Amino acid sequence: MNLSQFITLISLAAIWGASFMLMRIAAPEIGPVALIAARAAIGFITLLPFLLMYKGVRDVVNNWFGIFVVGVTNTAIPFVLLAFATLTLSAGLTSILNATAPIFAGLVAFVWLKERLTFIKTAGLIVGFSGVVVLFVGKGNLSFDDTAIAIIAGLIAALNYGYAACYTKKKLTGVSTIAIATGSQFFAAIVYIPFLPATWPTMPVSSLAMYSTLALGAVCTALAYILYFRLIASLGPEKAITVAYLIPVFGVIWGVLFLQEIVTLSMLMGAALILFGVSMTTGMLKMKTSKSNN
């Protein structure tokens, strides 16, 4: 990994980590549904020139149903669930829950794609979910309160990300990534249109919430996708996915710096277990071990 690739990786993690802070700022004023509808629409508008530049419209048209499914499961559902979670949880904790997505992807791949679940991947699933248990225990009780509901919403969001990753691999292999990214944002925005009359904010929205929404769509969605695809092209998917380990780090850092959030011991323990489980499930730990044996 050269310096340019390293800077791109860190920038991407910082941008995606900031999305949780921005949702925590904007969601209370705008509401999760209206916020994510605006985020998807802004993301689509920002990505559209790149889609036209790389002549990806035909790919969107020819694969519209698959891209629609990805738009629902990789944007519409998980984004709104994470925005809902930030109404109760800190940005840092929400970003940690988001980090379970690779674990769910491994589980979905085993159940649906019949991929082999090795011993180390199985151990990774157990370790990762034990981290989730630590987060539940860390909230102070095991009651089904608002915090528990928010944690479950974050986990369901991660499950959708895992399903979308497997669906893309099975149904959209060979389709241009810019077509999937742009088309999925378009369909995600369309899905929310029927819900907007009942969810659009009736009270004035602050400038901070509006700027946060704009940044979510243009930077944390459109620019982030462009950087991610650039990483995949230059490093390959296995190394590009290492960004998943850095997102919670920045999610916690931005929350502490700008929202004065408190980092608890249970958060640190849960995050460590989840990220260790992710490294085992995705094969990163095995890859590093094999390199050290050479």
Protein backbone atom coordinates (compact mmCIF):
# COMPACT_ATOMS: atom_id res chain seq x y z
CA MET A 1 0.00 0.00 0.00
CA ASN A 2 1.57 3.28 -1.10
CA LEU A 3 1.10 6.69 0.53
CA SER A 4 -1.74 7.73 -1.80
CA GLN A 5 -3.67 4.54 -1.10
CA PHE A 6 -3.09 4.88 2.64
CA ILE A 7 -4.38 8.47 2.61
CA THR A 8 -7.44 7.38 0.63
CA LEU A 9 -8.13 4.57 3.12
CA ILE A 10 -7.86 6.87 6.14
CA SER A 11 -9.94 9.57 4.43
CA LEU A 12 -12.68 7.08 3.62
CA ALA A 13 -12.77 5.76 7.19
CA ALA A 14 -12.88 9.32 8.54
CA ILE A 15 -15.73 10.26 6.18
CA TRP A 16 -17.83 7.18 6.90
CA GLY A 17 -17.09 7.53 10.61
CA ALA A 18 -18.35 11.12 10.48
CA SER A 19 -21.69 9.98 9.04
CA PHE A 20 -22.80 8.75 12.48
CA MET A 21 -22.03 12.11 14.06
CA LEU A 22 -23.91 13.91 11.29
CA MET A 23 -26.94 11.62 11.66
CA ARG A 24 -26.95 12.23 15.40
CA ILE A 25 -27.00 15.98 14.71
CA ALA A 26 -29.68 15.98 11.99
CA ALA A 27 -31.99 13.08 12.86
CA PRO A 28 -33.62 14.69 15.95
CA GLU A 29 -34.69 17.73 13.91
CA ILE A 30 -35.46 16.23 10.51
CA GLY A 31 -36.48 12.72 11.49
CA PRO A 32 -34.85 9.47 10.30
CA VAL A 33 -37.05 8.92 7.23
CA ALA A 34 -36.90 12.45 5.79
CA LEU A 35 -33.20 12.66 6.58
CA ILE A 36 -32.32 9.48 4.72
CA ALA A 37 -34.59 10.34 1.80
CA ALA A 38 -32.70 13.62 1.45
CA ARG A 39 -29.34 11.87 1.91
CA ALA A 40 -30.10 9.34 -0.85
CA ALA A 41 -31.41 12.04 -3.21
CA ILE A 42 -28.35 14.24 -2.66
CA GLY A 43 -26.10 11.21 -3.11
CA PHE A 44 -27.80 10.34 -6.40
CA ILE A 45 -27.59 13.89 -7.75
CA THR A 46 -23.89 14.09 -6.83
CA LEU A 47 -23.06 10.71 -8.40
CA LEU A 48 -25.14 11.22 -11.57
CA PRO A 49 -22.46 13.18 -13.49
CA PHE A 50 -19.98 10.35 -12.83
CA LEU A 51 -22.52 7.79 -14.04
CA LEU A 52 -22.96 9.75 -17.26
CA MET A 53 -19.21 10.28 -17.63
CA TYR A 54 -18.50 6.56 -17.38
CA LYS A 55 -21.55 5.66 -19.49
CA GLY A 56 -23.15 3.50 -16.83
CA VAL A 57 -26.80 4.30 -17.57
CA ARG A 58 -27.18 1.15 -19.68
CA ASP A 59 -25.95 -0.96 -16.76
CA VAL A 60 -28.58 0.60 -14.49
CA VAL A 61 -31.36 -0.01 -17.01
CA ASN A 62 -30.32 -3.58 -17.78
CA ASN A 63 -29.94 -4.51 -14.11
CA TRP A 64 -32.57 -2.28 -12.58
CA PHE A 65 -34.24 -4.89 -10.37
CA GLY A 66 -30.99 -6.10 -8.80
CA ILE A 67 -29.86 -2.52 -8.23
CA PHE A 68 -33.28 -1.76 -6.74
CA VAL A 69 -32.82 -4.61 -4.23
CA VAL A 70 -29.39 -3.28 -3.32
CA GLY A 71 -30.82 0.23 -2.99
CA VAL A 72 -33.38 -1.05 -0.49
CA THR A 73 -31.11 -3.36 1.50
CA ASN A 74 -27.87 -1.38 1.35
CA THR A 75 -29.27 2.14 1.68
CA ALA A 76 -32.98 2.63 2.34
CA ILE A 77 -33.42 0.20 5.24
CA PRO A 78 -30.03 0.32 6.99
CA PHE A 79 -29.56 4.08 6.69
CA VAL A 80 -32.93 4.83 8.30
CA LEU A 81 -32.37 2.24 11.03
CA LEU A 82 -28.98 3.75 11.88
CA ALA A 83 -30.47 7.25 11.86
CA PHE A 84 -33.19 5.97 14.21
CA ALA A 85 -30.52 4.42 16.45
CA THR A 86 -28.68 7.74 16.77
CA LEU A 87 -31.79 9.24 18.37
CA THR A 88 -30.91 7.18 21.45
CA LEU A 89 -27.35 5.93 21.07
CA SER A 90 -24.11 7.86 20.77
CA ALA A 91 -22.49 8.22 17.35
CA GLY A 92 -19.59 6.10 18.58
CA LEU A 93 -21.76 3.21 19.77
CA THR A 94 -23.81 3.27 16.57
CA SER A 95 -20.64 3.07 14.48
CA ILE A 96 -19.51 0.07 16.54
CA LEU A 97 -22.79 -1.73 15.83
CA ASN A 98 -22.36 -0.92 12.14
CA ALA A 99 -19.01 -2.75 12.25
CA THR A 100 -20.85 -6.07 12.67
CA ALA A 101 -21.86 -5.96 8.97
CA PRO A 102 -19.00 -8.24 7.78
CA ILE A 103 -20.00 -10.77 10.44
CA PHE A 104 -23.57 -10.84 9.15
CA ALA A 105 -22.24 -11.05 5.58
CA GLY A 106 -20.34 -14.20 6.54
CA LEU A 107 -23.44 -15.68 8.16
CA VAL A 108 -25.66 -14.86 5.17
CA ALA A 109 -23.05 -16.28 2.78
CA PHE A 110 -23.08 -19.54 4.76
CA VAL A 111 -26.88 -19.85 4.88
CA TRP A 112 -27.73 -18.54 1.39
CA LEU A 113 -24.66 -18.92 -0.79
CA LYS A 114 -23.63 -22.20 0.89
CA GLU A 115 -20.11 -20.91 1.42
CA ARG A 116 -17.97 -23.05 3.68
CA LEU A 117 -17.89 -21.89 7.29
CA THR A 118 -14.42 -22.71 8.55
CA PHE A 119 -13.47 -23.11 12.19
CA ILE A 120 -11.89 -19.64 12.36
CA LYS A 121 -14.94 -18.03 10.71
CA THR A 122 -17.25 -19.79 13.16
CA ALA A 123 -15.09 -18.62 16.04
CA GLY A 124 -15.23 -15.11 14.58
CA LEU A 125 -19.02 -15.16 14.56
CA ILE A 126 -19.08 -16.22 18.21
CA VAL A 127 -16.49 -13.63 19.26
CA GLY A 128 -18.22 -10.86 17.30
CA PHE A 129 -21.64 -11.55 18.77
CA SER A 130 -20.15 -11.81 22.25
CA GLY A 131 -19.09 -8.20 21.70
CA VAL A 132 -22.72 -7.32 21.01
CA VAL A 133 -23.70 -9.01 24.28
CA VAL A 134 -21.13 -6.86 26.08
CA LEU A 135 -22.76 -3.75 24.59
CA PHE A 136 -26.18 -4.92 25.79
CA VAL A 137 -24.87 -5.59 29.29
CA GLY A 138 -23.05 -2.26 29.27
CA LYS A 139 -26.31 -0.33 29.02
CA GLY A 140 -26.91 -1.17 32.67
CA ASN A 141 -29.75 -3.66 32.46
CA LEU A 142 -31.23 -6.30 30.19
CA SER A 143 -34.69 -4.71 29.90
CA PHE A 144 -36.28 -4.07 26.52
CA ASP A 145 -35.99 -0.29 26.74
CA ASP A 146 -35.28 2.44 24.17
CA THR A 147 -31.56 1.68 24.25
CA ALA A 148 -32.19 -2.01 23.56
CA ILE A 149 -34.50 -1.14 20.66
CA ALA A 150 -31.85 1.21 19.21
CA ILE A 151 -29.15 -1.47 19.50
CA ILE A 152 -31.39 -4.00 17.75
CA ALA A 153 -32.10 -1.44 15.00
CA GLY A 154 -28.35 -1.02 14.48
CA LEU A 155 -27.88 -4.78 14.25
CA ILE A 156 -30.73 -5.16 11.74
CA ALA A 157 -29.07 -2.43 9.68
CA ALA A 158 -25.82 -4.42 9.73
CA LEU A 159 -27.73 -7.56 8.73
CA ASN A 160 -29.11 -5.70 5.70
CA TYR A 161 -25.59 -4.63 4.74
CA GLY A 162 -24.50 -8.24 4.98
CA TYR A 163 -27.37 -9.43 2.81
CA ALA A 164 -26.73 -6.67 0.25
CA ALA A 165 -23.06 -7.66 -0.03
CA CYS A 166 -24.00 -11.28 -0.71
CA TYR A 167 -26.78 -10.28 -3.13
CA THR A 168 -24.39 -8.07 -5.07
CA LYS A 169 -21.88 -10.90 -5.31
CA LYS A 170 -24.52 -13.37 -6.51
CA LYS A 171 -26.64 -11.19 -8.81
CA LEU A 172 -24.60 -8.16 -9.87
CA THR A 173 -21.12 -9.50 -10.54
CA GLY A 174 -19.77 -7.75 -13.63
CA VAL A 175 -22.06 -4.73 -13.30
CA SER A 176 -20.14 -1.46 -13.05
CA THR A 177 -19.73 -0.25 -9.49
CA ILE A 178 -20.66 3.34 -10.35
CA ALA A 179 -23.93 2.04 -11.82
CA ILE A 180 -24.73 0.12 -8.64
CA ALA A 181 -23.81 3.08 -6.42
CA THR A 182 -25.77 5.69 -8.39
CA GLY A 183 -28.74 3.49 -9.18
CA SER A 184 -29.07 2.26 -5.60
CA GLN A 185 -29.23 5.84 -4.30
CA PHE A 186 -31.88 6.67 -6.90
CA PHE A 187 -34.09 3.72 -5.92
CA ALA A 188 -33.55 4.36 -2.21
CA ALA A 189 -34.77 7.94 -2.64
CA ILE A 190 -37.78 6.76 -4.68
CA VAL A 191 -38.75 4.22 -2.01
CA TYR A 192 -39.17 6.96 0.59
CA ILE A 193 -41.36 9.31 -1.48
CA PRO A 194 -44.70 7.82 -0.23
CA PHE A 195 -43.58 8.33 3.38
CA LEU A 196 -42.47 11.94 3.07
CA PRO A 197 -45.86 13.69 3.55
CA ALA A 198 -46.22 12.09 6.98
CA THR A 199 -42.56 12.36 8.03
CA TRP A 200 -41.32 15.67 6.61
CA PRO A 201 -40.44 18.07 9.48
CA THR A 202 -43.12 20.61 10.32
CA MET A 203 -40.88 22.77 12.51
CA PRO A 204 -38.06 24.96 11.18
CA VAL A 205 -34.78 23.09 10.75
CA SER A 206 -31.52 24.63 11.94
CA SER A 207 -28.71 25.47 9.56
CA LEU A 208 -26.49 22.91 11.31
CA ALA A 209 -28.99 20.12 10.60
CA MET A 210 -29.32 21.21 6.97
CA TYR A 211 -25.55 21.33 6.43
CA SER A 212 -25.22 17.95 8.13
CA THR A 213 -27.79 16.48 5.72
CA LEU A 214 -25.98 17.97 2.73
CA ALA A 215 -22.67 16.55 3.97
CA LEU A 216 -24.27 13.14 4.51
CA GLY A 217 -25.44 12.98 0.90
CA ALA A 218 -22.60 14.65 -0.97
CA VAL A 219 -19.61 13.61 1.15
CA CYS A 220 -20.50 10.57 3.28
CA THR A 221 -22.41 8.90 0.44
CA ALA A 222 -21.29 10.11 -3.00
CA LEU A 223 -17.64 10.97 -2.30
CA ALA A 224 -17.26 7.95 -0.02
CA TYR A 225 -18.48 5.59 -2.75
CA ILE A 226 -16.03 7.12 -5.23
CA LEU A 227 -13.13 6.71 -2.79
CA TYR A 228 -14.17 3.16 -1.94
CA PHE A 229 -14.34 2.08 -5.59
CA ARG A 230 -10.97 3.73 -6.16
CA LEU A 231 -9.55 1.64 -3.33
CA ILE A 232 -11.08 -1.56 -4.71
CA ALA A 233 -9.58 -0.83 -8.11
CA SER A 234 -6.10 -0.13 -6.75
CA LEU A 235 -5.89 -2.50 -3.76
CA GLY A 236 -8.48 -5.16 -4.47
CA PRO A 237 -11.60 -5.92 -2.38
CA GLU A 238 -9.81 -7.89 0.35
CA LYS A 239 -7.57 -4.99 1.34
CA ALA A 240 -10.19 -2.31 0.69
CA ILE A 241 -12.52 -3.95 3.22
CA THR A 242 -10.01 -3.10 5.96
CA VAL A 243 -11.75 0.26 6.11
CA ALA A 244 -14.39 -1.53 8.21
CA TYR A 245 -11.87 -1.73 11.07
CA LEU A 246 -11.21 2.00 11.04
CA ILE A 247 -14.77 3.37 10.78
CA PRO A 248 -15.67 2.75 14.45
CA VAL A 249 -12.41 4.39 15.50
CA PHE A 250 -13.34 7.60 13.72
CA GLY A 251 -16.99 7.25 14.75
CA VAL A 252 -15.90 7.33 18.39
CA ILE A 253 -13.30 10.08 17.84
CA TRP A 254 -15.72 12.46 16.10
CA GLY A 255 -18.37 11.80 18.74
CA VAL A 256 -15.95 12.65 21.55
CA LEU A 257 -14.47 15.72 19.82
CA PHE A 258 -17.62 17.36 18.49
CA LEU A 259 -20.51 15.94 20.54
CA GLN A 260 -18.70 15.49 23.88
CA GLU A 261 -19.74 11.85 23.99
CA ILE A 262 -18.43 9.58 26.74
CA VAL A 263 -16.54 6.41 25.87
CA THR A 264 -17.39 3.65 28.35
CA LEU A 265 -15.43 0.52 29.20
CA SER A 266 -18.22 -1.66 27.78
CA MET A 267 -17.98 0.23 24.47
CA LEU A 268 -14.25 -0.40 24.26
CA MET A 269 -14.60 -4.06 25.21
CA GLY A 270 -17.53 -4.61 22.84
CA ALA A 271 -15.73 -2.85 19.99
CA ALA A 272 -12.57 -4.90 20.54
CA LEU A 273 -14.51 -8.19 20.47
CA ILE A 274 -16.57 -7.16 17.42
CA LEU A 275 -13.53 -6.04 15.42
CA PHE A 276 -11.58 -9.15 16.41
CA GLY A 277 -14.55 -11.26 15.32
CA VAL A 278 -14.74 -9.36 12.03
CA SER A 279 -11.03 -9.98 11.39
CA MET A 280 -11.61 -13.71 11.87
CA THR A 281 -14.84 -13.86 9.84
CA THR A 282 -13.45 -11.95 6.87
CA GLY A 283 -10.21 -13.91 6.79
CA MET A 284 -8.00 -10.91 7.60
CA LEU A 285 -6.56 -12.61 10.67
CA LYS A 286 -5.80 -15.75 8.67
CA MET A 287 -4.18 -13.67 5.90
CA LYS A 288 -1.89 -11.92 8.35
CA THR A 289 -1.02 -15.18 10.06
CA SER A 290 -0.10 -16.83 6.77
CA LYS A 291 2.14 -13.90 5.86
CA SER A 292 3.95 -14.07 9.16
CA ASN A 293 4.73 -17.77 8.54
CA ASN A 294 6.54 -17.08 5.27
